[in-house]
Amino acid sequence: MQLGTRWSLGAEPPTGLPEVVVIALQAVEGDLEALPDDTSAWRWTLTWLEGNPVIELDDGTVIRFDPKEDSATITQPAIVMDDDEDWI
């Protein structure tokens, strides 16, 4: 049984994560650097589901590992656009 953990955005991720997951984490964090939002208090949460890491950021971004494909999928939360042109 593996225990999950939490760590701050930008901090070193836990050891034992597949390399492709670490690359996905770095990609998400790199994208967030360009945003004007204050992310200093955001944290990652790692849980293990059937032996595979599932990582969620406080904003709802989720990274899932697929061991068969040795791939990581990033799912970002939907962005609601306040659009005055909703009649189109």
N, C-alpha and C. Protein backbone atom coordinates (compact mmCIF):
# COMPACT_ATOMS: atom_id res chain seq x y z
N MET A 1 0.84 -1.18 0.00
CA MET A 1 0.00 0.00 0.00
C MET A 1 0.89 1.24 0.00
N GLN A 2 0.55 2.19 -0.86
CA GLN A 2 1.30 3.43 -0.93
C GLN A 2 0.46 4.56 -0.35
N LEU A 3 1.11 5.42 0.40
CA LEU A 3 0.41 6.55 0.99
C LEU A 3 0.59 7.78 0.11
N GLY A 4 -0.43 8.60 0.07
CA GLY A 4 -0.37 9.84 -0.68
C GLY A 4 0.30 10.93 0.13
N THR A 5 0.40 12.09 -0.49
CA THR A 5 1.04 13.22 0.17
C THR A 5 0.59 14.51 -0.50
N ARG A 6 0.96 15.62 0.09
CA ARG A 6 0.71 16.94 -0.50
C ARG A 6 2.03 17.70 -0.53
N TRP A 7 2.19 18.56 -1.53
CA TRP A 7 3.36 19.43 -1.59
C TRP A 7 2.99 20.70 -2.33
N SER A 8 3.75 21.74 -2.07
CA SER A 8 3.47 23.06 -2.64
C SER A 8 3.79 23.12 -4.12
N LEU A 9 3.03 23.92 -4.82
CA LEU A 9 3.27 24.17 -6.23
C LEU A 9 4.69 24.72 -6.39
N GLY A 10 5.46 24.13 -7.27
CA GLY A 10 6.83 24.58 -7.51
C GLY A 10 7.87 23.85 -6.68
N ALA A 11 7.44 23.12 -5.67
CA ALA A 11 8.38 22.36 -4.84
C ALA A 11 8.73 21.04 -5.53
N GLU A 12 9.73 20.38 -5.02
CA GLU A 12 10.17 19.09 -5.56
C GLU A 12 9.06 18.06 -5.36
N PRO A 13 8.66 17.35 -6.43
CA PRO A 13 7.63 16.31 -6.27
C PRO A 13 8.18 15.11 -5.50
N PRO A 14 7.30 14.30 -4.95
CA PRO A 14 7.75 13.12 -4.21
C PRO A 14 8.55 12.16 -5.09
N THR A 15 9.45 11.44 -4.48
CA THR A 15 10.21 10.44 -5.22
C THR A 15 9.31 9.26 -5.56
N GLY A 16 9.67 8.54 -6.58
CA GLY A 16 8.92 7.35 -6.96
C GLY A 16 7.86 7.58 -8.02
N LEU A 17 7.68 8.83 -8.44
CA LEU A 17 6.71 9.09 -9.51
C LEU A 17 7.34 8.74 -10.86
N PRO A 18 6.55 8.19 -11.78
CA PRO A 18 7.08 7.93 -13.12
C PRO A 18 7.58 9.22 -13.77
N GLU A 19 8.63 9.11 -14.57
CA GLU A 19 9.23 10.29 -15.19
C GLU A 19 8.23 11.08 -16.01
N VAL A 20 7.35 10.39 -16.72
CA VAL A 20 6.37 11.08 -17.56
C VAL A 20 5.40 11.91 -16.71
N VAL A 21 5.12 11.48 -15.49
CA VAL A 21 4.26 12.24 -14.58
C VAL A 21 4.98 13.50 -14.11
N VAL A 22 6.26 13.37 -13.80
CA VAL A 22 7.05 14.54 -13.39
C VAL A 22 7.11 15.56 -14.53
N ILE A 23 7.25 15.09 -15.76
CA ILE A 23 7.26 15.98 -16.92
C ILE A 23 5.92 16.70 -17.04
N ALA A 24 4.82 15.98 -16.81
CA ALA A 24 3.49 16.60 -16.86
C ALA A 24 3.33 17.64 -15.76
N LEU A 25 3.82 17.34 -14.56
CA LEU A 25 3.79 18.32 -13.46
C LEU A 25 4.54 19.59 -13.85
N GLN A 26 5.71 19.42 -14.41
CA GLN A 26 6.52 20.57 -14.81
C GLN A 26 5.82 21.39 -15.90
N ALA A 27 5.13 20.71 -16.81
CA ALA A 27 4.41 21.41 -17.88
C ALA A 27 3.28 22.26 -17.30
N VAL A 28 2.52 21.69 -16.37
CA VAL A 28 1.42 22.44 -15.74
C VAL A 28 1.97 23.63 -14.98
N GLU A 29 3.01 23.40 -14.20
CA GLU A 29 3.59 24.50 -13.42
C GLU A 29 4.16 25.59 -14.32
N GLY A 30 4.74 25.20 -15.45
CA GLY A 30 5.26 26.18 -16.40
C GLY A 30 4.14 27.03 -17.00
N ASP A 31 3.02 26.39 -17.31
CA ASP A 31 1.87 27.14 -17.84
C ASP A 31 1.32 28.12 -16.81
N LEU A 32 1.32 27.71 -15.55
CA LEU A 32 0.76 28.57 -14.50
C LEU A 32 1.62 29.80 -14.24
N GLU A 33 2.90 29.73 -14.54
CA GLU A 33 3.78 30.88 -14.34
C GLU A 33 3.35 32.07 -15.19
N ALA A 34 2.71 31.80 -16.32
CA ALA A 34 2.30 32.87 -17.23
C ALA A 34 0.99 33.53 -16.81
N LEU A 35 0.29 32.94 -15.84
CA LEU A 35 -0.99 33.49 -15.42
C LEU A 35 -0.81 34.58 -14.37
N PRO A 36 -1.73 35.54 -14.34
CA PRO A 36 -1.64 36.60 -13.33
C PRO A 36 -2.13 36.15 -11.95
N ASP A 37 -2.70 34.95 -11.84
CA ASP A 37 -3.25 34.47 -10.57
C ASP A 37 -2.15 34.26 -9.53
N ASP A 38 -2.51 34.48 -8.26
CA ASP A 38 -1.59 34.19 -7.16
C ASP A 38 -1.71 32.71 -6.83
N THR A 39 -0.70 31.94 -7.17
CA THR A 39 -0.71 30.50 -6.94
C THR A 39 0.19 30.10 -5.78
N SER A 40 0.64 31.05 -5.00
CA SER A 40 1.61 30.77 -3.95
C SER A 40 1.08 29.81 -2.88
N ALA A 41 -0.22 29.75 -2.69
CA ALA A 41 -0.78 28.86 -1.67
C ALA A 41 -1.29 27.54 -2.25
N TRP A 42 -1.18 27.35 -3.57
CA TRP A 42 -1.69 26.13 -4.20
C TRP A 42 -0.80 24.95 -3.87
N ARG A 43 -1.44 23.78 -3.76
CA ARG A 43 -0.71 22.56 -3.44
C ARG A 43 -1.19 21.42 -4.33
N TRP A 44 -0.29 20.49 -4.54
CA TRP A 44 -0.60 19.25 -5.25
C TRP A 44 -1.01 18.20 -4.21
N THR A 45 -1.93 17.31 -4.59
CA THR A 45 -2.31 16.18 -3.75
C THR A 45 -2.08 14.90 -4.54
N LEU A 46 -1.28 14.01 -3.99
CA LEU A 46 -0.99 12.72 -4.62
C LEU A 46 -1.78 11.63 -3.92
N THR A 47 -2.53 10.87 -4.69
CA THR A 47 -3.17 9.66 -4.18
C THR A 47 -2.78 8.52 -5.11
N TRP A 48 -2.86 7.32 -4.60
CA TRP A 48 -2.53 6.14 -5.39
C TRP A 48 -3.80 5.36 -5.62
N LEU A 49 -4.14 5.12 -6.88
CA LEU A 49 -5.32 4.36 -7.25
C LEU A 49 -4.87 3.11 -7.99
N GLU A 50 -5.08 1.97 -7.37
CA GLU A 50 -4.65 0.68 -7.93
C GLU A 50 -3.17 0.71 -8.29
N GLY A 51 -2.37 1.33 -7.43
CA GLY A 51 -0.93 1.37 -7.62
C GLY A 51 -0.42 2.44 -8.57
N ASN A 52 -1.32 3.25 -9.11
CA ASN A 52 -0.92 4.30 -10.05
C ASN A 52 -1.18 5.68 -9.45
N PRO A 53 -0.27 6.63 -9.69
CA PRO A 53 -0.45 7.96 -9.12
C PRO A 53 -1.55 8.75 -9.81
N VAL A 54 -2.33 9.43 -9.00
CA VAL A 54 -3.31 10.41 -9.47
C VAL A 54 -3.00 11.68 -8.69
N ILE A 55 -2.73 12.75 -9.41
CA ILE A 55 -2.28 13.99 -8.79
C ILE A 55 -3.26 15.09 -9.13
N GLU A 56 -3.69 15.82 -8.10
CA GLU A 56 -4.65 16.91 -8.31
C GLU A 56 -4.11 18.19 -7.70
N LEU A 57 -4.22 19.27 -8.48
CA LEU A 57 -3.84 20.60 -8.02
C LEU A 57 -5.07 21.27 -7.41
N ASP A 58 -4.85 22.21 -6.53
CA ASP A 58 -5.96 22.89 -5.86
C ASP A 58 -6.95 23.54 -6.82
N ASP A 59 -6.52 23.87 -8.04
CA ASP A 59 -7.45 24.49 -9.00
C ASP A 59 -8.31 23.46 -9.73
N GLY A 60 -8.08 22.17 -9.47
CA GLY A 60 -8.86 21.12 -10.11
C GLY A 60 -8.14 20.40 -11.24
N THR A 61 -6.95 20.84 -11.60
CA THR A 61 -6.16 20.15 -12.61
C THR A 61 -5.79 18.76 -12.09
N VAL A 62 -5.97 17.74 -12.94
CA VAL A 62 -5.68 16.36 -12.54
C VAL A 62 -4.70 15.74 -13.53
N ILE A 63 -3.72 15.02 -13.01
CA ILE A 63 -2.77 14.27 -13.84
C ILE A 63 -2.92 12.80 -13.48
N ARG A 64 -3.19 11.98 -14.51
CA ARG A 64 -3.35 10.53 -14.32
C ARG A 64 -2.29 9.80 -15.14
N PHE A 65 -1.76 8.75 -14.55
CA PHE A 65 -0.73 7.94 -15.20
C PHE A 65 -1.35 6.68 -15.78
N ASP A 66 -1.00 6.37 -17.03
CA ASP A 66 -1.42 5.13 -17.69
C ASP A 66 -0.18 4.26 -17.87
N PRO A 67 -0.02 3.22 -17.04
CA PRO A 67 1.19 2.41 -17.13
C PRO A 67 1.30 1.60 -18.42
N LYS A 68 0.18 1.25 -19.03
CA LYS A 68 0.23 0.48 -20.28
C LYS A 68 0.84 1.29 -21.41
N GLU A 69 0.54 2.58 -21.42
CA GLU A 69 1.05 3.47 -22.47
C GLU A 69 2.27 4.26 -22.00
N ASP A 70 2.61 4.15 -20.71
CA ASP A 70 3.64 4.98 -20.09
C ASP A 70 3.40 6.45 -20.44
N SER A 71 2.17 6.89 -20.16
CA SER A 71 1.78 8.26 -20.49
C SER A 71 1.07 8.91 -19.31
N ALA A 72 1.06 10.22 -19.32
CA ALA A 72 0.36 10.99 -18.31
C ALA A 72 -0.65 11.88 -19.02
N THR A 73 -1.87 11.90 -18.52
CA THR A 73 -2.92 12.72 -19.09
C THR A 73 -3.23 13.87 -18.14
N ILE A 74 -3.22 15.08 -18.68
CA ILE A 74 -3.54 16.27 -17.89
C ILE A 74 -4.96 16.68 -18.22
N THR A 75 -5.79 16.79 -17.20
CA THR A 75 -7.16 17.26 -17.37
C THR A 75 -7.30 18.56 -16.58
N GLN A 76 -7.60 19.63 -17.30
CA GLN A 76 -7.73 20.93 -16.65
C GLN A 76 -9.20 21.25 -16.43
N PRO A 77 -9.49 22.01 -15.38
CA PRO A 77 -10.89 22.37 -15.12
C PRO A 77 -11.43 23.27 -16.22
N ALA A 78 -12.73 23.18 -16.43
CA ALA A 78 -13.38 24.02 -17.44
C ALA A 78 -13.32 25.48 -17.01
N ILE A 79 -13.14 26.33 -17.98
CA ILE A 79 -13.11 27.77 -17.72
C ILE A 79 -14.43 28.35 -18.19
N VAL A 80 -15.11 29.02 -17.29
CA VAL A 80 -16.38 29.64 -17.63
C VAL A 80 -16.10 31.05 -18.13
N MET A 81 -16.54 31.31 -19.34
CA MET A 81 -16.33 32.63 -19.93
C MET A 81 -17.59 33.46 -19.73
N ASP A 82 -17.43 34.64 -19.18
CA ASP A 82 -18.55 35.56 -19.04
C ASP A 82 -18.65 36.34 -20.34
N ASP A 83 -19.59 35.94 -21.17
CA ASP A 83 -19.68 36.50 -22.51
C ASP A 83 -21.02 37.21 -22.68
N ASP A 84 -20.94 38.50 -22.96
CA ASP A 84 -22.15 39.28 -23.20
C ASP A 84 -22.77 38.96 -24.55
N GLU A 85 -22.04 38.26 -25.39
CA GLU A 85 -22.52 37.95 -26.73
C GLU A 85 -23.17 36.57 -26.76
N ASP A 86 -23.95 36.22 -25.74
CA ASP A 86 -24.53 34.89 -25.67
C ASP A 86 -25.73 34.70 -26.60
N TRP A 87 -26.12 35.72 -27.30
CA TRP A 87 -27.25 35.61 -28.23
C TRP A 87 -26.84 34.96 -29.54
N ILE A 88 -25.54 34.82 -29.77
CA ILE A 88 -25.05 34.26 -31.04
C ILE A 88 -25.24 32.77 -31.04
